[in-house]
């Protein structure tokens, strides 16, 4: 059983073309769930890095009075 405090349930929808692509992956032996989880993890990682870079850039632009 999955620990509900560590995981949250979200539903996502796929377009017809996306669903066909996922079905092709399944026919090649890939796990749909694993593929989607890895894709979401990668997207969140890229977004996180972008946000951190943005925050650091904003920090450097702050002019502090002497």
PDB file of N, CA and C in Angstrom:
ATOM      1  N   UNK A   1       0.837  -1.182   0.000  1.00  0.00           N
ATOM      2  CA  UNK A   1       0.000   0.000   0.000  1.00  0.00           C
ATOM      3  C   UNK A   1       0.882   1.246   0.000  1.00  0.00           C
ATOM      4  N   UNK A   2       0.439   2.264  -0.700  1.00  0.00           N
ATOM      5  CA  UNK A   2       1.203   3.504  -0.837  1.00  0.00           C
ATOM      6  C   UNK A   2       0.913   4.416   0.348  1.00  0.00           C
ATOM      7  N   UNK A   3       1.980   5.018   0.900  1.00  0.00           N
ATOM      8  CA  UNK A   3       1.834   5.957   1.997  1.00  0.00           C
ATOM      9  C   UNK A   3       1.243   7.253   1.463  1.00  0.00           C
ATOM     10  N   UNK A   4       0.035   7.605   1.895  1.00  0.00           N
ATOM     11  CA  UNK A   4      -0.668   8.777   1.373  1.00  0.00           C
ATOM     12  C   UNK A   4      -0.009  10.090   1.761  1.00  0.00           C
ATOM     13  N   UNK A   5       0.815  10.092   2.812  1.00  0.00           N
ATOM     14  CA  UNK A   5       1.490  11.325   3.193  1.00  0.00           C
ATOM     15  C   UNK A   5       2.634  11.645   2.238  1.00  0.00           C
ATOM     16  N   UNK A   6       3.174  10.656   1.576  1.00  0.00           N
ATOM     17  CA  UNK A   6       4.287  10.873   0.663  1.00  0.00           C
ATOM     18  C   UNK A   6       3.845  11.049  -0.784  1.00  0.00           C
ATOM     19  N   UNK A   7       2.671  10.592  -1.110  1.00  0.00           N
ATOM     20  CA  UNK A   7       2.206  10.676  -2.492  1.00  0.00           C
ATOM     21  C   UNK A   7       0.871  11.391  -2.562  1.00  0.00           C
ATOM     22  N   UNK A   8       0.664  12.050  -3.662  1.00  0.00           N
ATOM     23  CA  UNK A   8      -0.611  12.719  -3.933  1.00  0.00           C
ATOM     24  C   UNK A   8      -1.140  12.200  -5.261  1.00  0.00           C
ATOM     25  N   UNK A   9      -2.425  12.085  -5.369  1.00  0.00           N
ATOM     26  CA  UNK A   9      -3.045  11.594  -6.585  1.00  0.00           C
ATOM     27  C   UNK A   9      -3.430  12.783  -7.458  1.00  0.00           C
ATOM     28  N   UNK A  10      -2.987  12.749  -8.716  1.00  0.00           N
ATOM     29  CA  UNK A  10      -3.335  13.762  -9.702  1.00  0.00           C
ATOM     30  C   UNK A  10      -3.778  13.034 -10.960  1.00  0.00           C
ATOM     31  N   UNK A  11      -4.728  13.587 -11.637  1.00  0.00           N
ATOM     32  CA  UNK A  11      -5.121  12.977 -12.898  1.00  0.00           C
ATOM     33  C   UNK A  11      -4.659  13.884 -14.034  1.00  0.00           C
ATOM     34  N   UNK A  12      -4.213  13.259 -15.105  1.00  0.00           N
ATOM     35  CA  UNK A  12      -3.788  14.006 -16.273  1.00  0.00           C
ATOM     36  C   UNK A  12      -4.529  13.462 -17.485  1.00  0.00           C
ATOM     37  N   UNK A  13      -4.641  14.294 -18.497  1.00  0.00           N
ATOM     38  CA  UNK A  13      -5.316  13.876 -19.723  1.00  0.00           C
ATOM     39  C   UNK A  13      -4.339  13.975 -20.877  1.00  0.00           C
ATOM     40  N   UNK A  14      -4.485  13.062 -21.806  1.00  0.00           N
ATOM     41  CA  UNK A  14      -3.630  13.032 -22.979  1.00  0.00           C
ATOM     42  C   UNK A  14      -4.465  13.269 -24.222  1.00  0.00           C
ATOM     43  N   UNK A  15      -3.842  13.927 -25.203  1.00  0.00           N
ATOM     44  CA  UNK A  15      -4.509  14.079 -26.496  1.00  0.00           C
ATOM     45  C   UNK A  15      -4.495  12.723 -27.192  1.00  0.00           C
ATOM     46  N   UNK A  16      -5.225  12.648 -28.263  1.00  0.00           N
ATOM     47  CA  UNK A  16      -5.291  11.398 -29.020  1.00  0.00           C
ATOM     48  C   UNK A  16      -3.896  10.994 -29.499  1.00  0.00           C
ATOM     49  N   UNK A  17      -3.145  11.951 -30.031  1.00  0.00           N
ATOM     50  CA  UNK A  17      -1.793  11.657 -30.528  1.00  0.00           C
ATOM     51  C   UNK A  17      -0.858  11.236 -29.404  1.00  0.00           C
ATOM     52  N   UNK A  18      -0.944  11.900 -28.258  1.00  0.00           N
ATOM     53  CA  UNK A  18      -0.106  11.529 -27.116  1.00  0.00           C
ATOM     54  C   UNK A  18      -0.445  10.123 -26.648  1.00  0.00           C
ATOM     55  N   UNK A  19      -1.713   9.811 -26.629  1.00  0.00           N
ATOM     56  CA  UNK A  19      -2.137   8.480 -26.201  1.00  0.00           C
ATOM     57  C   UNK A  19      -1.638   7.408 -27.173  1.00  0.00           C
ATOM     58  N   UNK A  20      -1.681   7.705 -28.477  1.00  0.00           N
ATOM     59  CA  UNK A  20      -1.162   6.760 -29.470  1.00  0.00           C
ATOM     60  C   UNK A  20       0.331   6.530 -29.259  1.00  0.00           C
ATOM     61  N   UNK A  21       1.066   7.620 -28.974  1.00  0.00           N
ATOM     62  CA  UNK A  21       2.503   7.491 -28.730  1.00  0.00           C
ATOM     63  C   UNK A  21       2.766   6.640 -27.490  1.00  0.00           C
ATOM     64  N   UNK A  22       1.994   6.859 -26.438  1.00  0.00           N
ATOM     65  CA  UNK A  22       2.154   6.049 -25.230  1.00  0.00           C
ATOM     66  C   UNK A  22       1.806   4.589 -25.496  1.00  0.00           C
ATOM     67  N   UNK A  23       0.785   4.352 -26.299  1.00  0.00           N
ATOM     68  CA  UNK A  23       0.422   2.980 -26.658  1.00  0.00           C
ATOM     69  C   UNK A  23       1.549   2.296 -27.438  1.00  0.00           C
ATOM     70  N   UNK A  24       2.233   3.069 -28.296  1.00  0.00           N
ATOM     71  CA  UNK A  24       3.376   2.507 -29.035  1.00  0.00           C
ATOM     72  C   UNK A  24       4.493   2.148 -28.064  1.00  0.00           C
ATOM     73  N   UNK A  25       4.726   2.992 -27.066  1.00  0.00           N
ATOM     74  CA  UNK A  25       5.751   2.685 -26.070  1.00  0.00           C
ATOM     75  C   UNK A  25       5.410   1.408 -25.312  1.00  0.00           C
ATOM     76  N   UNK A  26       4.147   1.246 -24.976  1.00  0.00           N
ATOM     77  CA  UNK A  26       3.703   0.042 -24.271  1.00  0.00           C
ATOM     78  C   UNK A  26       3.949  -1.184 -25.149  1.00  0.00           C
ATOM     79  N   UNK A  27       3.650  -1.059 -26.436  1.00  0.00           N
ATOM     80  CA  UNK A  27       3.859  -2.206 -27.333  1.00  0.00           C
ATOM     81  C   UNK A  27       5.343  -2.554 -27.457  1.00  0.00           C
ATOM     82  N   UNK A  28       6.223  -1.597 -27.212  1.00  0.00           N
ATOM     83  CA  UNK A  28       7.675  -1.832 -27.250  1.00  0.00           C
ATOM     84  C   UNK A  28       8.207  -2.320 -25.907  1.00  0.00           C
ATOM     85  N   UNK A  29       7.332  -2.426 -24.903  1.00  0.00           N
ATOM     86  CA  UNK A  29       7.738  -2.977 -23.619  1.00  0.00           C
ATOM     87  C   UNK A  29       7.974  -1.948 -22.525  1.00  0.00           C
ATOM     88  N   UNK A  30       7.672  -0.687 -22.798  1.00  0.00           N
ATOM     89  CA  UNK A  30       7.840   0.347 -21.775  1.00  0.00           C
ATOM     90  C   UNK A  30       6.621   0.406 -20.867  1.00  0.00           C
ATOM     91  N   UNK A  31       6.832   0.865 -19.658  1.00  0.00           N
ATOM     92  CA  UNK A  31       5.735   1.048 -18.715  1.00  0.00           C
ATOM     93  C   UNK A  31       5.213   2.476 -18.855  1.00  0.00           C
ATOM     94  N   UNK A  32       3.917   2.617 -19.101  1.00  0.00           N
ATOM     95  CA  UNK A  32       3.311   3.942 -19.256  1.00  0.00           C
ATOM     96  C   UNK A  32       3.498   4.764 -17.984  1.00  0.00           C
ATOM     97  N   UNK A  33       3.238   4.163 -16.855  1.00  0.00           N
ATOM     98  CA  UNK A  33       3.331   4.870 -15.573  1.00  0.00           C
ATOM     99  C   UNK A  33       4.761   5.335 -15.314  1.00  0.00           C
ATOM    100  N   UNK A  34       5.718   4.451 -15.535  1.00  0.00           N
ATOM    101  CA  UNK A  34       7.116   4.794 -15.294  1.00  0.00           C
ATOM    102  C   UNK A  34       7.561   5.910 -16.251  1.00  0.00           C
ATOM    103  N   UNK A  35       7.156   5.818 -17.515  1.00  0.00           N
ATOM    104  CA  UNK A  35       7.514   6.831 -18.498  1.00  0.00           C
ATOM    105  C   UNK A  35       6.961   8.198 -18.098  1.00  0.00           C
ATOM    106  N   UNK A  36       5.696   8.250 -17.709  1.00  0.00           N
ATOM    107  CA  UNK A  36       5.074   9.516 -17.333  1.00  0.00           C
ATOM    108  C   UNK A  36       5.732  10.076 -16.077  1.00  0.00           C
ATOM    109  N   UNK A  37       5.997   9.227 -15.105  1.00  0.00           N
ATOM    110  CA  UNK A  37       6.651   9.701 -13.879  1.00  0.00           C
ATOM    111  C   UNK A  37       8.033  10.265 -14.155  1.00  0.00           C
ATOM    112  N   UNK A  38       8.811   9.582 -15.006  1.00  0.00           N
ATOM    113  CA  UNK A  38      10.139  10.080 -15.347  1.00  0.00           C
ATOM    114  C   UNK A  38      10.058  11.407 -16.109  1.00  0.00           C
ATOM    115  N   UNK A  39       9.079  11.519 -17.002  1.00  0.00           N
ATOM    116  CA  UNK A  39       8.915  12.755 -17.766  1.00  0.00           C
ATOM    117  C   UNK A  39       8.539  13.916 -16.843  1.00  0.00           C
ATOM    118  N   UNK A  40       7.650  13.676 -15.906  1.00  0.00           N
ATOM    119  CA  UNK A  40       7.247  14.720 -14.959  1.00  0.00           C
ATOM    120  C   UNK A  40       8.428  15.095 -14.071  1.00  0.00           C
ATOM    121  N   UNK A  41       9.172  14.106 -13.609  1.00  0.00           N
ATOM    122  CA  UNK A  41      10.336  14.373 -12.767  1.00  0.00           C
ATOM    123  C   UNK A  41      11.357  15.237 -13.511  1.00  0.00           C
ATOM    124  N   UNK A  42      11.603  14.902 -14.774  1.00  0.00           N
ATOM    125  CA  UNK A  42      12.561  15.673 -15.571  1.00  0.00           C
ATOM    126  C   UNK A  42      12.080  17.114 -15.771  1.00  0.00           C
ATOM    127  N   UNK A  43      10.800  17.273 -16.054  1.00  0.00           N
ATOM    128  CA  UNK A  43      10.233  18.614 -16.252  1.00  0.00           C
ATOM    129  C   UNK A  43      10.331  19.437 -14.972  1.00  0.00           C
ATOM    130  N   UNK A  44      10.000  18.850 -13.847  1.00  0.00           N
ATOM    131  CA  UNK A  44      10.094  19.568 -12.580  1.00  0.00           C
ATOM    132  C   UNK A  44      11.534  19.945 -12.269  1.00  0.00           C
ATOM    133  N   UNK A  45      12.479  19.062 -12.570  1.00  0.00           N
ATOM    134  CA  UNK A  45      13.892  19.337 -12.328  1.00  0.00           C
ATOM    135  C   UNK A  45      14.354  20.519 -13.177  1.00  0.00           C
ATOM    136  N   UNK A  46      13.969  20.519 -14.477  1.00  0.00           N
ATOM    137  CA  UNK A  46      14.349  21.634 -15.353  1.00  0.00           C
ATOM    138  C   UNK A  46      13.725  22.933 -14.881  1.00  0.00           C
ATOM    139  N   UNK A  47      12.448  22.907 -14.502  1.00  0.00           N
ATOM    140  CA  UNK A  47      11.777  24.107 -14.014  1.00  0.00           C
ATOM    141  C   UNK A  47      12.409  24.592 -12.725  1.00  0.00           C
ATOM    142  N   UNK A  48      12.768  23.682 -11.845  1.00  0.00           N
ATOM    143  CA  UNK A  48      13.397  24.041 -10.573  1.00  0.00           C
ATOM    144  C   UNK A  48      14.711  24.768 -10.828  1.00  0.00           C
ATOM    145  N   UNK A  49      15.531  24.213 -11.734  1.00  0.00           N
ATOM    146  CA  UNK A  49      16.809  24.868 -12.045  1.00  0.00           C
ATOM    147  C   UNK A  49      16.589  26.253 -12.628  1.00  0.00           C
ATOM    148  N   UNK A  50      15.591  26.412 -13.487  1.00  0.00           N
ATOM    149  CA  UNK A  50      15.289  27.709 -14.086  1.00  0.00           C
ATOM    150  C   UNK A  50      14.858  28.708 -13.017  1.00  0.00           C
ATOM    151  N   UNK A  51      14.033  28.264 -12.098  1.00  0.00           N
ATOM    152  CA  UNK A  51      13.547  29.143 -11.033  1.00  0.00           C
ATOM    153  C   UNK A  51      14.703  29.560 -10.130  1.00  0.00           C
ATOM    154  N   UNK A  52      15.582  28.628  -9.777  1.00  0.00           N
ATOM    155  CA  UNK A  52      16.730  28.943  -8.927  1.00  0.00           C
ATOM    156  C   UNK A  52      17.638  29.961  -9.620  1.00  0.00           C
ATOM    157  N   UNK A  53      17.889  29.773 -10.916  1.00  0.00           N
ATOM    158  CA  UNK A  53      18.717  30.716 -11.661  1.00  0.00           C
ATOM    159  C   UNK A  53      18.072  32.103 -11.670  1.00  0.00           C
ATOM    160  N   UNK A  54      16.766  32.144 -11.826  1.00  0.00           N
ATOM    161  CA  UNK A  54      16.031  33.407 -11.846  1.00  0.00           C
ATOM    162  C   UNK A  54      16.144  34.120 -10.495  1.00  0.00           C
ATOM    163  N   UNK A  55      16.003  33.375  -9.422  1.00  0.00           N
ATOM    164  CA  UNK A  55      16.099  33.956  -8.074  1.00  0.00           C
ATOM    165  C   UNK A  55      17.503  34.503  -7.846  1.00  0.00           C
ATOM    166  N   UNK A  56      18.531  33.753  -8.246  1.00  0.00           N
ATOM    167  CA  UNK A  56      19.904  34.211  -8.066  1.00  0.00           C
ATOM    168  C   UNK A  56      20.171  35.471  -8.879  1.00  0.00           C
ATOM    169  N   UNK A  57      19.617  35.534 -10.081  1.00  0.00           N
ATOM    170  CA  UNK A  57      19.785  36.709 -10.926  1.00  0.00           C
ATOM    171  C   UNK A  57      19.127  37.930 -10.279  1.00  0.00           C
ATOM    172  N   UNK A  58      17.933  37.735  -9.728  1.00  0.00           N
ATOM    173  CA  UNK A  58      17.228  38.829  -9.058  1.00  0.00           C
ATOM    174  C   UNK A  58      17.996  39.280  -7.804  1.00  0.00           C
ATOM    175  N   UNK A  59      18.590  38.336  -7.084  1.00  0.00           N
ATOM    176  CA  UNK A  59      19.389  38.680  -5.902  1.00  0.00           C
ATOM    177  C   UNK A  59      20.567  39.566  -6.283  1.00  0.00           C
ATOM    178  N   UNK A  60      21.212  39.237  -7.381  1.00  0.00           N
ATOM    179  CA  UNK A  60      22.378  39.994  -7.837  1.00  0.00           C
ATOM    180  C   UNK A  60      21.993  41.387  -8.327  1.00  0.00           C
ATOM    181  N   UNK A  61      20.752  41.571  -8.753  1.00  0.00           N
ATOM    182  CA  UNK A  61      20.310  42.860  -9.264  1.00  0.00           C
ATOM    183  C   UNK A  61      19.832  43.808  -8.165  1.00  0.00           C
ATOM    184  N   UNK A  62      19.685  43.314  -6.960  1.00  0.00           N
ATOM    185  CA  UNK A  62      19.237  44.158  -5.854  1.00  0.00           C
ATOM    186  C   UNK A  62      20.387  45.069  -5.436  1.00  0.00           C
ATOM    187  N   UNK A  63      20.122  46.352  -5.422  1.00  0.00           N
ATOM    188  CA  UNK A  63      21.129  47.321  -5.013  1.00  0.00           C
ATOM    189  C   UNK A  63      20.909  47.656  -3.547  1.00  0.00           C
ATOM    190  N   UNK A  64      21.914  47.380  -2.751  1.00  0.00           N
ATOM    191  CA  UNK A  64      21.815  47.616  -1.324  1.00  0.00           C
ATOM    192  C   UNK A  64      22.426  48.971  -0.989  1.00  0.00           C
ATOM    193  N   UNK A  65      21.796  49.746  -0.106  1.00  0.00           N
ATOM    194  CA  UNK A  65      22.375  51.033   0.271  1.00  0.00           C
ATOM    195  C   UNK A  65      23.620  50.820   1.158  1.00  0.00           C
ATOM    196  N   UNK A  66      24.554  51.718   1.055  1.00  0.00           N
ATOM    197  CA  UNK A  66      25.787  51.605   1.857  1.00  0.00           C
ATOM    198  C   UNK A  66      25.608  52.192   3.210  1.00  0.00           C
TER     199      UNK A  66
END
